[in-house]
């Protein structure tokens, strides 16, 4: 699906992989920008514990880990639904609180939400 097709969707799911130490600031900014608003509820998100692995290459400035060595650390995978009109504002807010040099933030178009 190209970018033009995905932008015809009204809702998106954002997945953010982040250290647990940064979860509360992330939760706060998501609420502030209106992400996670579904029907008569706001602040809706889910998170699960995962393990991330990566290897910083030459020129990287890693938040965690050492150059040319594979790192493995616990992280949280945070998932939140966002309306299209709030997508860019939400991504900017996530980037402001995310500590990683190369943050993993996936944006997935949703065919529908709810039932």
C-alpha atoms as a PDB file:
ATOM      1  CA  UNK A   1       0.000   0.000   0.000  1.00  0.00           C
ATOM      2  CA  UNK A   2       1.483   3.350  -0.938  1.00  0.00           C
ATOM      3  CA  UNK A   3       1.367   6.479   1.232  1.00  0.00           C
ATOM      4  CA  UNK A   4      -1.508   7.994  -0.773  1.00  0.00           C
ATOM      5  CA  UNK A   5      -3.690   4.913  -0.185  1.00  0.00           C
ATOM      6  CA  UNK A   6      -2.862   4.729   3.524  1.00  0.00           C
ATOM      7  CA  UNK A   7      -3.818   8.372   4.046  1.00  0.00           C
ATOM      8  CA  UNK A   8      -7.371   7.574   2.895  1.00  0.00           C
ATOM      9  CA  UNK A   9      -7.833   5.708   6.177  1.00  0.00           C
ATOM     10  CA  UNK A  10      -9.447   7.612   9.055  1.00  0.00           C
ATOM     11  CA  UNK A  11      -7.620   5.825  11.899  1.00  0.00           C
ATOM     12  CA  UNK A  12      -4.106   4.556  12.441  1.00  0.00           C
ATOM     13  CA  UNK A  13      -2.399   2.424  15.051  1.00  0.00           C
ATOM     14  CA  UNK A  14       0.932   3.686  16.273  1.00  0.00           C
ATOM     15  CA  UNK A  15       3.356   1.197  17.787  1.00  0.00           C
ATOM     16  CA  UNK A  16       6.187   2.638  19.840  1.00  0.00           C
ATOM     17  CA  UNK A  17       9.071   0.629  21.277  1.00  0.00           C
ATOM     18  CA  UNK A  18      10.442   2.496  24.282  1.00  0.00           C
ATOM     19  CA  UNK A  19      12.333   1.871  27.525  1.00  0.00           C
ATOM     20  CA  UNK A  20      10.006   1.378  30.482  1.00  0.00           C
ATOM     21  CA  UNK A  21      11.597   4.415  32.150  1.00  0.00           C
ATOM     22  CA  UNK A  22       9.982   6.605  29.484  1.00  0.00           C
ATOM     23  CA  UNK A  23       6.502   5.081  29.519  1.00  0.00           C
ATOM     24  CA  UNK A  24       4.794   7.664  31.791  1.00  0.00           C
ATOM     25  CA  UNK A  25       6.081  10.686  29.826  1.00  0.00           C
ATOM     26  CA  UNK A  26       4.937   8.953  26.616  1.00  0.00           C
ATOM     27  CA  UNK A  27       1.523   8.227  28.121  1.00  0.00           C
ATOM     28  CA  UNK A  28       1.199  11.868  29.196  1.00  0.00           C
ATOM     29  CA  UNK A  29       2.014  13.352  25.769  1.00  0.00           C
ATOM     30  CA  UNK A  30      -0.288  10.894  24.009  1.00  0.00           C
ATOM     31  CA  UNK A  31      -3.109  12.044  26.263  1.00  0.00           C
ATOM     32  CA  UNK A  32      -2.220  15.713  25.730  1.00  0.00           C
ATOM     33  CA  UNK A  33      -2.454  15.441  21.921  1.00  0.00           C
ATOM     34  CA  UNK A  34      -5.681  13.418  21.987  1.00  0.00           C
ATOM     35  CA  UNK A  35      -4.280  10.069  20.848  1.00  0.00           C
ATOM     36  CA  UNK A  36      -6.145   7.041  22.128  1.00  0.00           C
ATOM     37  CA  UNK A  37      -9.574   8.648  21.951  1.00  0.00           C
ATOM     38  CA  UNK A  38     -12.144   5.966  21.096  1.00  0.00           C
ATOM     39  CA  UNK A  39     -15.858   6.737  21.371  1.00  0.00           C
ATOM     40  CA  UNK A  40     -16.600   8.053  24.860  1.00  0.00           C
ATOM     41  CA  UNK A  41     -13.147   7.075  26.191  1.00  0.00           C
ATOM     42  CA  UNK A  42      -9.801   8.759  26.069  1.00  0.00           C
ATOM     43  CA  UNK A  43      -6.266   7.766  27.110  1.00  0.00           C
ATOM     44  CA  UNK A  44      -6.799   4.305  25.569  1.00  0.00           C
ATOM     45  CA  UNK A  45      -3.584   2.436  24.874  1.00  0.00           C
ATOM     46  CA  UNK A  46      -2.046  -0.930  25.530  1.00  0.00           C
ATOM     47  CA  UNK A  47       1.485  -1.969  26.281  1.00  0.00           C
ATOM     48  CA  UNK A  48       3.391  -5.180  26.618  1.00  0.00           C
ATOM     49  CA  UNK A  49       6.883  -6.107  27.657  1.00  0.00           C
ATOM     50  CA  UNK A  50       9.185  -7.155  24.825  1.00  0.00           C
ATOM     51  CA  UNK A  51      12.903  -7.614  24.333  1.00  0.00           C
ATOM     52  CA  UNK A  52      14.623  -5.461  21.733  1.00  0.00           C
ATOM     53  CA  UNK A  53      17.942  -6.192  20.054  1.00  0.00           C
ATOM     54  CA  UNK A  54      20.137  -3.897  17.963  1.00  0.00           C
ATOM     55  CA  UNK A  55      23.735  -3.202  16.993  1.00  0.00           C
ATOM     56  CA  UNK A  56      24.901   0.408  16.748  1.00  0.00           C
ATOM     57  CA  UNK A  57      27.050   0.947  13.663  1.00  0.00           C
ATOM     58  CA  UNK A  58      29.799   3.481  12.955  1.00  0.00           C
ATOM     59  CA  UNK A  59      28.458   7.023  13.355  1.00  0.00           C
ATOM     60  CA  UNK A  60      25.678   6.018  15.764  1.00  0.00           C
ATOM     61  CA  UNK A  61      25.234   7.649  19.164  1.00  0.00           C
ATOM     62  CA  UNK A  62      23.280   4.958  21.040  1.00  0.00           C
ATOM     63  CA  UNK A  63      21.169   5.718  24.106  1.00  0.00           C
ATOM     64  CA  UNK A  64      21.966   2.179  25.292  1.00  0.00           C
ATOM     65  CA  UNK A  65      24.695  -0.128  24.007  1.00  0.00           C
ATOM     66  CA  UNK A  66      28.126   0.069  22.421  1.00  0.00           C
ATOM     67  CA  UNK A  67      29.275   0.439  18.844  1.00  0.00           C
ATOM     68  CA  UNK A  68      29.460  -2.800  16.850  1.00  0.00           C
ATOM     69  CA  UNK A  69      28.069  -4.883  19.713  1.00  0.00           C
ATOM     70  CA  UNK A  70      24.629  -6.451  19.771  1.00  0.00           C
ATOM     71  CA  UNK A  71      22.546  -5.144  22.657  1.00  0.00           C
ATOM     72  CA  UNK A  72      19.511  -6.828  24.156  1.00  0.00           C
ATOM     73  CA  UNK A  73      17.274  -4.898  26.536  1.00  0.00           C
ATOM     74  CA  UNK A  74      13.738  -5.041  27.889  1.00  0.00           C
ATOM     75  CA  UNK A  75      11.389  -2.496  26.319  1.00  0.00           C
ATOM     76  CA  UNK A  76       7.700  -1.736  26.196  1.00  0.00           C
ATOM     77  CA  UNK A  77       5.682  -1.964  23.004  1.00  0.00           C
ATOM     78  CA  UNK A  78       3.029   0.731  23.305  1.00  0.00           C
ATOM     79  CA  UNK A  79       0.041   0.674  20.934  1.00  0.00           C
ATOM     80  CA  UNK A  80      -2.398   3.527  20.511  1.00  0.00           C
ATOM     81  CA  UNK A  81      -5.133   4.381  17.996  1.00  0.00           C
ATOM     82  CA  UNK A  82      -4.999   7.837  16.439  1.00  0.00           C
ATOM     83  CA  UNK A  83      -7.333   9.757  14.154  1.00  0.00           C
ATOM     84  CA  UNK A  84      -5.762  10.825  10.870  1.00  0.00           C
ATOM     85  CA  UNK A  85      -6.129  14.514  11.759  1.00  0.00           C
ATOM     86  CA  UNK A  86      -3.955  13.956  14.871  1.00  0.00           C
ATOM     87  CA  UNK A  87      -1.341  11.684  13.321  1.00  0.00           C
ATOM     88  CA  UNK A  88       1.492  14.156  12.618  1.00  0.00           C
ATOM     89  CA  UNK A  89       0.971  16.005  15.911  1.00  0.00           C
ATOM     90  CA  UNK A  90       1.093  12.664  17.745  1.00  0.00           C
ATOM     91  CA  UNK A  91       4.274  11.547  15.993  1.00  0.00           C
ATOM     92  CA  UNK A  92       5.966  14.840  16.882  1.00  0.00           C
ATOM     93  CA  UNK A  93       4.954  14.418  20.530  1.00  0.00           C
ATOM     94  CA  UNK A  94       6.297  10.851  20.623  1.00  0.00           C
ATOM     95  CA  UNK A  95       9.631  11.956  19.158  1.00  0.00           C
ATOM     96  CA  UNK A  96       9.952  14.686  21.802  1.00  0.00           C
ATOM     97  CA  UNK A  97       9.878  12.209  24.711  1.00  0.00           C
ATOM     98  CA  UNK A  98      11.584   9.234  23.045  1.00  0.00           C
ATOM     99  CA  UNK A  99      15.218   8.825  24.100  1.00  0.00           C
ATOM    100  CA  UNK A 100      16.491   6.714  21.196  1.00  0.00           C
ATOM    101  CA  UNK A 101      18.507   8.190  18.352  1.00  0.00           C
ATOM    102  CA  UNK A 102      16.548   6.001  15.901  1.00  0.00           C
ATOM    103  CA  UNK A 103      13.170   5.426  17.525  1.00  0.00           C
ATOM    104  CA  UNK A 104      11.046   2.531  16.272  1.00  0.00           C
ATOM    105  CA  UNK A 105       7.632   4.071  15.623  1.00  0.00           C
ATOM    106  CA  UNK A 106       5.366   2.089  13.318  1.00  0.00           C
ATOM    107  CA  UNK A 107       2.265   3.659  11.768  1.00  0.00           C
ATOM    108  CA  UNK A 108      -0.328   1.148  10.600  1.00  0.00           C
ATOM    109  CA  UNK A 109      -3.543   2.140   8.760  1.00  0.00           C
ATOM    110  CA  UNK A 110      -6.670   0.608  10.299  1.00  0.00           C
ATOM    111  CA  UNK A 111      -9.534  -0.594   8.161  1.00  0.00           C
ATOM    112  CA  UNK A 112     -11.906  -0.075  11.072  1.00  0.00           C
ATOM    113  CA  UNK A 113     -11.904   0.276  14.853  1.00  0.00           C
ATOM    114  CA  UNK A 114     -14.323  -1.231  17.317  1.00  0.00           C
ATOM    115  CA  UNK A 115     -16.954  -3.655  16.107  1.00  0.00           C
END
